[in-house]
């Protein structure tokens, strides 16, 4: 059993496709197929169900996934023994969500590359359950996410900070110092994130206490576009402070005073407790603490 074959197995499991795995690894599809067949023959088990164009792990395949990740991690640790630890290098795989990628990551990635140009970075956008399944299946090294704190024995939080949620509008649209009631807000146009975002859920639940609901004029996935539309007077939005801080400092938007609407989201940097902390991971963790504290 070769490391190369296990790497191919992991990539097929991650992409659920022989074709995609071949493209990412730089192999032909036939080479990937041959490697997987040889591995199945060697282990005397079927690792994948192949139904039409769909590829999924069998029960035995899921068991091998755990062992393969451990073996690959151990091989990477052994290969790193002779490296100069003063110059971190290698692959860093980070999972995150849209709002953080668009707002916090440009600065983080710029600093990381300036300080450690030999680190290669892969960023993966995660939604819903994938925030936890990706590190659990070793598809990413760590996850920088935003929500309520994720409490789980499986995962360790190496950093967390809180970002207040605020109601925003175009600058000077409303009189300064005005306090908004739920009834007033219900009469305004809103631009919302998708319904599974935590901050939209907070606002919906808060408004429902007053028997009010909002039908947004627009629903978008990218919070920076929402901020831009709000700054043009198209409606109100309820977003974390880190998303609109730039527009606020430029004077393009204002924060509204809404008594009782007081929520915050937790920005967390997590990794699986069994994950070996590589040199690229360590410097990224330190950079996050330095930049976001």
C-alpha atoms as a PDB file:
ATOM      1  CA  UNK A   1       0.000   0.000   0.000  1.00  0.00           C
ATOM      2  CA  UNK A   2       1.615   3.236  -1.166  1.00  0.00           C
ATOM      3  CA  UNK A   3       1.180   6.783   0.118  1.00  0.00           C
ATOM      4  CA  UNK A   4       0.455   7.817  -3.465  1.00  0.00           C
ATOM      5  CA  UNK A   5      -2.456   5.385  -3.658  1.00  0.00           C
ATOM      6  CA  UNK A   6      -3.908   6.531  -0.335  1.00  0.00           C
ATOM      7  CA  UNK A   7      -3.631  10.153  -1.494  1.00  0.00           C
ATOM      8  CA  UNK A   8      -5.609   9.240  -4.601  1.00  0.00           C
ATOM      9  CA  UNK A   9      -8.198   7.436  -2.465  1.00  0.00           C
ATOM     10  CA  UNK A  10      -8.622  10.520  -0.242  1.00  0.00           C
ATOM     11  CA  UNK A  11      -9.037  12.817  -3.236  1.00  0.00           C
ATOM     12  CA  UNK A  12     -11.712  10.574  -4.790  1.00  0.00           C
ATOM     13  CA  UNK A  13     -13.501  10.430  -1.436  1.00  0.00           C
ATOM     14  CA  UNK A  14     -13.335  14.228  -1.115  1.00  0.00           C
ATOM     15  CA  UNK A  15     -14.543  15.038  -4.650  1.00  0.00           C
ATOM     16  CA  UNK A  16     -16.832  11.995  -5.038  1.00  0.00           C
ATOM     17  CA  UNK A  17     -15.559  11.789  -8.596  1.00  0.00           C
ATOM     18  CA  UNK A  18     -12.778   9.886 -10.358  1.00  0.00           C
ATOM     19  CA  UNK A  19     -12.655  12.586 -13.048  1.00  0.00           C
ATOM     20  CA  UNK A  20     -12.316  15.506 -10.608  1.00  0.00           C
ATOM     21  CA  UNK A  21      -9.758  13.635  -8.510  1.00  0.00           C
ATOM     22  CA  UNK A  22      -7.684  12.915 -11.612  1.00  0.00           C
ATOM     23  CA  UNK A  23      -7.739  16.579 -12.649  1.00  0.00           C
ATOM     24  CA  UNK A  24      -6.691  17.785  -9.180  1.00  0.00           C
ATOM     25  CA  UNK A  25      -3.887  15.219  -8.895  1.00  0.00           C
ATOM     26  CA  UNK A  26      -2.636  15.645 -12.461  1.00  0.00           C
ATOM     27  CA  UNK A  27      -3.372  12.024 -13.409  1.00  0.00           C
ATOM     28  CA  UNK A  28      -5.429  10.519 -16.173  1.00  0.00           C
ATOM     29  CA  UNK A  29      -8.814   9.155 -15.122  1.00  0.00           C
ATOM     30  CA  UNK A  30      -7.687   5.644 -16.054  1.00  0.00           C
ATOM     31  CA  UNK A  31      -4.680   5.968 -13.721  1.00  0.00           C
ATOM     32  CA  UNK A  32      -6.957   6.909 -10.833  1.00  0.00           C
ATOM     33  CA  UNK A  33      -9.285   4.006 -11.625  1.00  0.00           C
ATOM     34  CA  UNK A  34      -6.364   1.553 -11.714  1.00  0.00           C
ATOM     35  CA  UNK A  35      -5.003   2.796  -8.369  1.00  0.00           C
ATOM     36  CA  UNK A  36      -8.378   2.424  -6.659  1.00  0.00           C
ATOM     37  CA  UNK A  37      -8.915  -1.057  -8.119  1.00  0.00           C
ATOM     38  CA  UNK A  38      -5.455  -2.134  -6.971  1.00  0.00           C
ATOM     39  CA  UNK A  39      -6.182  -0.798  -3.482  1.00  0.00           C
ATOM     40  CA  UNK A  40      -9.522  -2.633  -3.363  1.00  0.00           C
ATOM     41  CA  UNK A  41      -7.812  -5.821  -4.549  1.00  0.00           C
ATOM     42  CA  UNK A  42      -5.062  -5.484  -1.956  1.00  0.00           C
ATOM     43  CA  UNK A  43      -7.548  -4.911   0.878  1.00  0.00           C
ATOM     44  CA  UNK A  44     -10.099  -7.357  -0.551  1.00  0.00           C
ATOM     45  CA  UNK A  45     -12.963  -4.904   0.017  1.00  0.00           C
ATOM     46  CA  UNK A  46     -15.021  -2.561  -2.146  1.00  0.00           C
ATOM     47  CA  UNK A  47     -14.254   1.022  -1.187  1.00  0.00           C
ATOM     48  CA  UNK A  48     -16.681   2.900  -3.425  1.00  0.00           C
ATOM     49  CA  UNK A  49     -20.191   2.407  -4.709  1.00  0.00           C
ATOM     50  CA  UNK A  50     -20.277   3.338  -8.388  1.00  0.00           C
ATOM     51  CA  UNK A  51     -23.838   3.990  -9.528  1.00  0.00           C
ATOM     52  CA  UNK A  52     -23.955   5.746 -12.869  1.00  0.00           C
ATOM     53  CA  UNK A  53     -21.728   8.794 -12.534  1.00  0.00           C
ATOM     54  CA  UNK A  54     -22.191   8.907  -8.755  1.00  0.00           C
ATOM     55  CA  UNK A  55     -19.310   7.758  -6.556  1.00  0.00           C
ATOM     56  CA  UNK A  56     -19.729   7.337  -2.795  1.00  0.00           C
ATOM     57  CA  UNK A  57     -17.835   5.571  -0.020  1.00  0.00           C
ATOM     58  CA  UNK A  58     -18.976   2.178   1.198  1.00  0.00           C
ATOM     59  CA  UNK A  59     -18.891   1.339   4.914  1.00  0.00           C
ATOM     60  CA  UNK A  60     -15.408  -0.157   4.449  1.00  0.00           C
ATOM     61  CA  UNK A  61     -14.396   2.935   2.502  1.00  0.00           C
ATOM     62  CA  UNK A  62     -15.431   5.172   5.393  1.00  0.00           C
ATOM     63  CA  UNK A  63     -13.366   3.041   7.761  1.00  0.00           C
ATOM     64  CA  UNK A  64     -10.324   3.320   5.493  1.00  0.00           C
ATOM     65  CA  UNK A  65     -10.837   7.091   5.310  1.00  0.00           C
ATOM     66  CA  UNK A  66      -9.966   7.382   9.004  1.00  0.00           C
ATOM     67  CA  UNK A  67      -6.842   5.224   8.677  1.00  0.00           C
ATOM     68  CA  UNK A  68      -5.731   6.910   5.449  1.00  0.00           C
ATOM     69  CA  UNK A  69      -5.913  10.372   7.004  1.00  0.00           C
ATOM     70  CA  UNK A  70      -3.814   9.180   9.947  1.00  0.00           C
ATOM     71  CA  UNK A  71      -1.217   7.590   7.652  1.00  0.00           C
ATOM     72  CA  UNK A  72      -0.950  10.662   5.412  1.00  0.00           C
ATOM     73  CA  UNK A  73      -0.604  12.966   8.424  1.00  0.00           C
ATOM     74  CA  UNK A  74       2.144  10.756   9.838  1.00  0.00           C
ATOM     75  CA  UNK A  75       3.970  10.721   6.491  1.00  0.00           C
ATOM     76  CA  UNK A  76       3.796  14.513   6.286  1.00  0.00           C
ATOM     77  CA  UNK A  77       5.189  14.818   9.812  1.00  0.00           C
ATOM     78  CA  UNK A  78       8.060  12.476   8.929  1.00  0.00           C
ATOM     79  CA  UNK A  79       8.805  14.426   5.735  1.00  0.00           C
ATOM     80  CA  UNK A  80       8.910  17.672   7.718  1.00  0.00           C
ATOM     81  CA  UNK A  81      11.608  16.449  10.117  1.00  0.00           C
ATOM     82  CA  UNK A  82      14.406  17.730   7.956  1.00  0.00           C
ATOM     83  CA  UNK A  83      12.818  21.039   7.104  1.00  0.00           C
ATOM     84  CA  UNK A  84      13.993  24.327   8.507  1.00  0.00           C
ATOM     85  CA  UNK A  85      11.335  25.202  11.064  1.00  0.00           C
ATOM     86  CA  UNK A  86      12.307  28.880  10.903  1.00  0.00           C
ATOM     87  CA  UNK A  87      10.864  28.982   7.385  1.00  0.00           C
ATOM     88  CA  UNK A  88       7.415  27.333   7.445  1.00  0.00           C
ATOM     89  CA  UNK A  89       6.388  25.822   4.148  1.00  0.00           C
ATOM     90  CA  UNK A  90       3.850  23.407   2.757  1.00  0.00           C
ATOM     91  CA  UNK A  91       0.123  23.313   2.172  1.00  0.00           C
ATOM     92  CA  UNK A  92      -2.394  25.106   4.378  1.00  0.00           C
ATOM     93  CA  UNK A  93      -6.081  24.225   3.825  1.00  0.00           C
ATOM     94  CA  UNK A  94      -8.571  26.546   5.484  1.00  0.00           C
ATOM     95  CA  UNK A  95     -12.352  26.310   5.412  1.00  0.00           C
ATOM     96  CA  UNK A  96     -14.465  29.407   5.962  1.00  0.00           C
ATOM     97  CA  UNK A  97     -17.767  31.117   5.156  1.00  0.00           C
ATOM     98  CA  UNK A  98     -18.576  33.748   2.532  1.00  0.00           C
ATOM     99  CA  UNK A  99     -18.806  36.708   4.890  1.00  0.00           C
ATOM    100  CA  UNK A 100     -15.390  36.093   6.472  1.00  0.00           C
ATOM    101  CA  UNK A 101     -13.704  35.335   3.145  1.00  0.00           C
ATOM    102  CA  UNK A 102     -14.889  38.642   1.686  1.00  0.00           C
ATOM    103  CA  UNK A 103     -14.005  40.793   4.714  1.00  0.00           C
ATOM    104  CA  UNK A 104     -11.254  39.355   6.912  1.00  0.00           C
ATOM    105  CA  UNK A 105      -9.318  37.056   4.597  1.00  0.00           C
ATOM    106  CA  UNK A 106      -7.834  39.598   2.152  1.00  0.00           C
ATOM    107  CA  UNK A 107      -5.787  41.133   4.965  1.00  0.00           C
ATOM    108  CA  UNK A 108      -4.966  37.762   6.553  1.00  0.00           C
ATOM    109  CA  UNK A 109      -3.802  36.225   3.278  1.00  0.00           C
ATOM    110  CA  UNK A 110      -1.738  39.269   2.344  1.00  0.00           C
ATOM    111  CA  UNK A 111       0.118  39.186   5.681  1.00  0.00           C
ATOM    112  CA  UNK A 112       0.561  35.421   5.496  1.00  0.00           C
ATOM    113  CA  UNK A 113       2.099  35.555   2.020  1.00  0.00           C
ATOM    114  CA  UNK A 114       4.360  38.492   2.877  1.00  0.00           C
ATOM    115  CA  UNK A 115       5.756  36.703   5.925  1.00  0.00           C
ATOM    116  CA  UNK A 116       5.734  33.114   4.692  1.00  0.00           C
ATOM    117  CA  UNK A 117       5.886  33.046   0.879  1.00  0.00           C
ATOM    118  CA  UNK A 118       6.641  29.306   0.813  1.00  0.00           C
ATOM    119  CA  UNK A 119       3.256  28.390   2.305  1.00  0.00           C
ATOM    120  CA  UNK A 120       0.666  27.346  -0.267  1.00  0.00           C
ATOM    121  CA  UNK A 121      -2.911  28.192   0.694  1.00  0.00           C
ATOM    122  CA  UNK A 122      -6.163  26.517  -0.318  1.00  0.00           C
ATOM    123  CA  UNK A 123      -9.398  28.192   0.765  1.00  0.00           C
ATOM    124  CA  UNK A 124     -12.652  26.261   0.751  1.00  0.00           C
ATOM    125  CA  UNK A 125     -16.075  27.874   1.182  1.00  0.00           C
ATOM    126  CA  UNK A 126     -18.193  25.846   3.602  1.00  0.00           C
ATOM    127  CA  UNK A 127     -21.911  26.030   4.298  1.00  0.00           C
ATOM    128  CA  UNK A 128     -24.215  24.269   6.741  1.00  0.00           C
ATOM    129  CA  UNK A 129     -23.001  20.887   8.038  1.00  0.00           C
ATOM    130  CA  UNK A 130     -19.834  21.066   5.908  1.00  0.00           C
ATOM    131  CA  UNK A 131     -18.356  23.471   8.488  1.00  0.00           C
ATOM    132  CA  UNK A 132     -17.842  20.419  10.712  1.00  0.00           C
ATOM    133  CA  UNK A 133     -17.748  17.527   8.248  1.00  0.00           C
ATOM    134  CA  UNK A 134     -14.839  19.050   6.288  1.00  0.00           C
ATOM    135  CA  UNK A 135     -12.371  19.076   9.237  1.00  0.00           C
ATOM    136  CA  UNK A 136     -13.818  15.774  10.490  1.00  0.00           C
ATOM    137  CA  UNK A 137     -12.946  14.147   7.154  1.00  0.00           C
ATOM    138  CA  UNK A 138      -9.601  15.969   6.943  1.00  0.00           C
ATOM    139  CA  UNK A 139     -10.672  17.934   3.876  1.00  0.00           C
ATOM    140  CA  UNK A 140      -9.395  21.106   5.552  1.00  0.00           C
ATOM    141  CA  UNK A 141      -6.795  21.694   8.267  1.00  0.00           C
ATOM    142  CA  UNK A 142      -8.858  24.250  10.189  1.00  0.00           C
ATOM    143  CA  UNK A 143     -12.048  26.284   9.934  1.00  0.00           C
ATOM    144  CA  UNK A 144     -12.576  30.004  10.533  1.00  0.00           C
ATOM    145  CA  UNK A 145     -16.314  30.403  10.956  1.00  0.00           C
ATOM    146  CA  UNK A 146     -18.917  32.718  12.472  1.00  0.00           C
ATOM    147  CA  UNK A 147     -22.022  31.646  14.398  1.00  0.00           C
ATOM    148  CA  UNK A 148     -22.831  30.755  17.969  1.00  0.00           C
ATOM    149  CA  UNK A 149     -19.860  28.979  19.636  1.00  0.00           C
ATOM    150  CA  UNK A 150     -19.500  25.407  18.437  1.00  0.00           C
ATOM    151  CA  UNK A 151     -19.254  23.224  21.513  1.00  0.00           C
ATOM    152  CA  UNK A 152     -18.053  19.732  20.672  1.00  0.00           C
ATOM    153  CA  UNK A 153     -15.542  17.277  22.114  1.00  0.00           C
ATOM    154  CA  UNK A 154     -14.333  16.623  18.551  1.00  0.00           C
ATOM    155  CA  UNK A 155     -13.112  20.159  17.910  1.00  0.00           C
ATOM    156  CA  UNK A 156     -10.762  22.573  19.626  1.00  0.00           C
ATOM    157  CA  UNK A 157     -11.184  26.348  19.409  1.00  0.00           C
ATOM    158  CA  UNK A 158      -7.786  28.020  19.188  1.00  0.00           C
ATOM    159  CA  UNK A 159      -9.266  31.517  18.933  1.00  0.00           C
ATOM    160  CA  UNK A 160     -12.615  33.240  19.335  1.00  0.00           C
ATOM    161  CA  UNK A 161     -13.933  36.779  19.408  1.00  0.00           C
ATOM    162  CA  UNK A 162     -17.394  38.341  19.319  1.00  0.00           C
ATOM    163  CA  UNK A 163     -18.783  40.694  16.670  1.00  0.00           C
ATOM    164  CA  UNK A 164     -21.911  42.752  17.499  1.00  0.00           C
ATOM    165  CA  UNK A 165     -24.816  42.694  15.042  1.00  0.00           C
ATOM    166  CA  UNK A 166     -26.263  46.052  14.014  1.00  0.00           C
ATOM    167  CA  UNK A 167     -29.077  47.477  11.895  1.00  0.00           C
ATOM    168  CA  UNK A 168     -27.649  49.663   9.112  1.00  0.00           C
ATOM    169  CA  UNK A 169     -29.049  52.167   6.619  1.00  0.00           C
ATOM    170  CA  UNK A 170     -27.680  54.647   4.093  1.00  0.00           C
ATOM    171  CA  UNK A 171     -25.884  57.584   5.707  1.00  0.00           C
ATOM    172  CA  UNK A 172     -28.193  60.459   6.738  1.00  0.00           C
ATOM    173  CA  UNK A 173     -31.331  58.582   5.698  1.00  0.00           C
ATOM    174  CA  UNK A 174     -32.824  58.927   9.181  1.00  0.00           C
ATOM    175  CA  UNK A 175     -32.510  61.644  11.848  1.00  0.00           C
ATOM    176  CA  UNK A 176     -29.577  61.156  14.215  1.00  0.00           C
ATOM    177  CA  UNK A 177     -30.532  59.773  17.604  1.00  0.00           C
ATOM    178  CA  UNK A 178     -33.891  58.356  16.513  1.00  0.00           C
ATOM    179  CA  UNK A 179     -34.827  55.101  18.271  1.00  0.00           C
ATOM    180  CA  UNK A 180     -36.629  52.620  16.059  1.00  0.00           C
ATOM    181  CA  UNK A 181     -39.551  50.457  17.153  1.00  0.00           C
ATOM    182  CA  UNK A 182     -40.330  47.017  15.711  1.00  0.00           C
ATOM    183  CA  UNK A 183     -43.427  48.524  14.104  1.00  0.00           C
ATOM    184  CA  UNK A 184     -41.342  51.123  12.270  1.00  0.00           C
ATOM    185  CA  UNK A 185     -38.828  48.537  11.064  1.00  0.00           C
ATOM    186  CA  UNK A 186     -41.595  46.297   9.744  1.00  0.00           C
ATOM    187  CA  UNK A 187     -42.585  49.096   7.372  1.00  0.00           C
ATOM    188  CA  UNK A 188     -39.118  49.410   5.821  1.00  0.00           C
ATOM    189  CA  UNK A 189     -37.552  47.620   2.858  1.00  0.00           C
ATOM    190  CA  UNK A 190     -34.941  45.020   3.831  1.00  0.00           C
ATOM    191  CA  UNK A 191     -32.108  43.268   2.061  1.00  0.00           C
ATOM    192  CA  UNK A 192     -31.380  39.954   3.760  1.00  0.00           C
ATOM    193  CA  UNK A 193     -28.863  37.192   3.733  1.00  0.00           C
ATOM    194  CA  UNK A 194     -30.116  33.668   3.110  1.00  0.00           C
ATOM    195  CA  UNK A 195     -32.482  32.289   5.729  1.00  0.00           C
ATOM    196  CA  UNK A 196     -29.934  29.889   7.266  1.00  0.00           C
ATOM    197  CA  UNK A 197     -27.573  32.705   8.307  1.00  0.00           C
ATOM    198  CA  UNK A 198     -27.507  33.088  12.091  1.00  0.00           C
ATOM    199  CA  UNK A 199     -27.949  36.858  12.090  1.00  0.00           C
ATOM    200  CA  UNK A 200     -31.052  36.726   9.958  1.00  0.00           C
ATOM    201  CA  UNK A 201     -32.454  34.114  12.343  1.00  0.00           C
ATOM    202  CA  UNK A 202     -31.774  36.399  15.325  1.00  0.00           C
ATOM    203  CA  UNK A 203     -33.662  39.271  13.712  1.00  0.00           C
ATOM    204  CA  UNK A 204     -36.607  37.110  12.595  1.00  0.00           C
ATOM    205  CA  UNK A 205     -37.016  35.668  16.087  1.00  0.00           C
ATOM    206  CA  UNK A 206     -36.749  39.093  17.729  1.00  0.00           C
ATOM    207  CA  UNK A 207     -39.335  40.624  15.391  1.00  0.00           C
ATOM    208  CA  UNK A 208     -41.740  37.695  15.858  1.00  0.00           C
ATOM    209  CA  UNK A 209     -42.065  38.664  19.542  1.00  0.00           C
ATOM    210  CA  UNK A 210     -43.977  41.728  18.339  1.00  0.00           C
ATOM    211  CA  UNK A 211     -46.106  39.789  15.837  1.00  0.00           C
ATOM    212  CA  UNK A 212     -44.204  41.321  12.953  1.00  0.00           C
ATOM    213  CA  UNK A 213     -42.402  39.752  10.016  1.00  0.00           C
ATOM    214  CA  UNK A 214     -40.320  40.998   7.098  1.00  0.00           C
ATOM    215  CA  UNK A 215     -40.554  39.985   3.453  1.00  0.00           C
ATOM    216  CA  UNK A 216     -37.228  41.185   2.039  1.00  0.00           C
ATOM    217  CA  UNK A 217     -37.083  42.943  -1.303  1.00  0.00           C
ATOM    218  CA  UNK A 218     -33.874  41.038  -2.018  1.00  0.00           C
ATOM    219  CA  UNK A 219     -31.939  38.027  -0.676  1.00  0.00           C
ATOM    220  CA  UNK A 220     -28.196  37.741  -1.337  1.00  0.00           C
ATOM    221  CA  UNK A 221     -25.377  35.460  -0.224  1.00  0.00           C
ATOM    222  CA  UNK A 222     -22.590  38.064  -0.283  1.00  0.00           C
ATOM    223  CA  UNK A 223     -22.860  40.481   2.669  1.00  0.00           C
ATOM    224  CA  UNK A 224     -20.533  43.047   1.072  1.00  0.00           C
ATOM    225  CA  UNK A 225     -22.954  43.460  -1.813  1.00  0.00           C
ATOM    226  CA  UNK A 226     -25.725  43.943   0.747  1.00  0.00           C
ATOM    227  CA  UNK A 227     -23.708  46.722   2.389  1.00  0.00           C
ATOM    228  CA  UNK A 228     -23.172  48.383  -0.989  1.00  0.00           C
ATOM    229  CA  UNK A 229     -26.888  48.300  -1.816  1.00  0.00           C
ATOM    230  CA  UNK A 230     -27.769  49.654   1.628  1.00  0.00           C
ATOM    231  CA  UNK A 231     -25.316  52.528   1.111  1.00  0.00           C
ATOM    232  CA  UNK A 232     -27.231  53.391  -2.078  1.00  0.00           C
ATOM    233  CA  UNK A 233     -30.465  53.699  -0.149  1.00  0.00           C
ATOM    234  CA  UNK A 234     -32.116  50.497  -1.341  1.00  0.00           C
ATOM    235  CA  UNK A 235     -33.116  49.284   2.124  1.00  0.00           C
ATOM    236  CA  UNK A 236     -31.969  48.282   5.602  1.00  0.00           C
ATOM    237  CA  UNK A 237     -29.885  45.290   6.657  1.00  0.00           C
ATOM    238  CA  UNK A 238     -28.910  43.508   9.871  1.00  0.00           C
ATOM    239  CA  UNK A 239     -25.280  42.420   9.736  1.00  0.00           C
ATOM    240  CA  UNK A 240     -22.186  41.760  11.889  1.00  0.00           C
ATOM    241  CA  UNK A 241     -20.015  44.797  12.557  1.00  0.00           C
ATOM    242  CA  UNK A 242     -16.956  43.316  10.830  1.00  0.00           C
ATOM    243  CA  UNK A 243     -18.886  43.213   7.536  1.00  0.00           C
ATOM    244  CA  UNK A 244     -19.781  46.918   7.331  1.00  0.00           C
ATOM    245  CA  UNK A 245     -16.908  48.512   9.289  1.00  0.00           C
ATOM    246  CA  UNK A 246     -15.254  49.823   6.122  1.00  0.00           C
ATOM    247  CA  UNK A 247     -18.411  51.461   4.757  1.00  0.00           C
ATOM    248  CA  UNK A 248     -19.148  52.967   8.171  1.00  0.00           C
ATOM    249  CA  UNK A 249     -15.680  54.536   8.484  1.00  0.00           C
ATOM    250  CA  UNK A 250     -16.089  55.965   4.958  1.00  0.00           C
ATOM    251  CA  UNK A 251     -19.368  57.617   5.989  1.00  0.00           C
ATOM    252  CA  UNK A 252     -21.484  55.706   3.447  1.00  0.00           C
ATOM    253  CA  UNK A 253     -23.782  54.059   6.001  1.00  0.00           C
ATOM    254  CA  UNK A 254     -25.062  54.695   9.513  1.00  0.00           C
ATOM    255  CA  UNK A 255     -25.937  52.387  12.402  1.00  0.00           C
ATOM    256  CA  UNK A 256     -29.524  52.623  13.650  1.00  0.00           C
ATOM    257  CA  UNK A 257     -30.514  52.618  17.320  1.00  0.00           C
ATOM    258  CA  UNK A 258     -32.940  49.731  17.870  1.00  0.00           C
ATOM    259  CA  UNK A 259     -33.526  49.148  21.625  1.00  0.00           C
ATOM    260  CA  UNK A 260     -33.695  45.470  22.538  1.00  0.00           C
ATOM    261  CA  UNK A 261     -32.113  44.223  19.313  1.00  0.00           C
ATOM    262  CA  UNK A 262     -28.826  43.191  20.840  1.00  0.00           C
ATOM    263  CA  UNK A 263     -27.137  40.094  19.458  1.00  0.00           C
ATOM    264  CA  UNK A 264     -23.556  39.100  18.657  1.00  0.00           C
ATOM    265  CA  UNK A 265     -21.936  36.362  16.593  1.00  0.00           C
ATOM    266  CA  UNK A 266     -18.829  34.428  17.564  1.00  0.00           C
ATOM    267  CA  UNK A 267     -15.899  34.246  15.156  1.00  0.00           C
ATOM    268  CA  UNK A 268     -14.091  30.971  15.878  1.00  0.00           C
ATOM    269  CA  UNK A 269     -10.971  29.280  14.586  1.00  0.00           C
ATOM    270  CA  UNK A 270     -11.361  25.504  14.999  1.00  0.00           C
ATOM    271  CA  UNK A 271      -9.535  22.310  14.208  1.00  0.00           C
ATOM    272  CA  UNK A 272     -10.241  18.642  14.855  1.00  0.00           C
ATOM    273  CA  UNK A 273      -8.682  17.541  18.143  1.00  0.00           C
ATOM    274  CA  UNK A 274      -6.887  14.641  16.422  1.00  0.00           C
ATOM    275  CA  UNK A 275      -5.382  16.851  13.726  1.00  0.00           C
ATOM    276  CA  UNK A 276      -1.606  17.233  13.809  1.00  0.00           C
ATOM    277  CA  UNK A 277      -0.686  20.934  13.996  1.00  0.00           C
ATOM    278  CA  UNK A 278       1.653  21.603  11.079  1.00  0.00           C
ATOM    279  CA  UNK A 279       4.001  24.581  10.858  1.00  0.00           C
ATOM    280  CA  UNK A 280       1.707  26.403   8.345  1.00  0.00           C
ATOM    281  CA  UNK A 281      -1.258  25.868  10.694  1.00  0.00           C
ATOM    282  CA  UNK A 282       0.651  27.235  13.668  1.00  0.00           C
ATOM    283  CA  UNK A 283       1.693  30.462  11.944  1.00  0.00           C
ATOM    284  CA  UNK A 284      -1.833  30.944  10.596  1.00  0.00           C
ATOM    285  CA  UNK A 285      -3.277  30.513  14.095  1.00  0.00           C
ATOM    286  CA  UNK A 286      -0.827  33.100  15.421  1.00  0.00           C
ATOM    287  CA  UNK A 287      -1.690  35.489  12.588  1.00  0.00           C
ATOM    288  CA  UNK A 288      -5.424  35.204  13.281  1.00  0.00           C
ATOM    289  CA  UNK A 289      -4.874  35.956  16.969  1.00  0.00           C
ATOM    290  CA  UNK A 290      -2.668  38.919  16.097  1.00  0.00           C
ATOM    291  CA  UNK A 291      -5.046  40.376  13.485  1.00  0.00           C
ATOM    292  CA  UNK A 292      -8.431  39.795  15.126  1.00  0.00           C
ATOM    293  CA  UNK A 293      -7.724  40.218  18.831  1.00  0.00           C
END
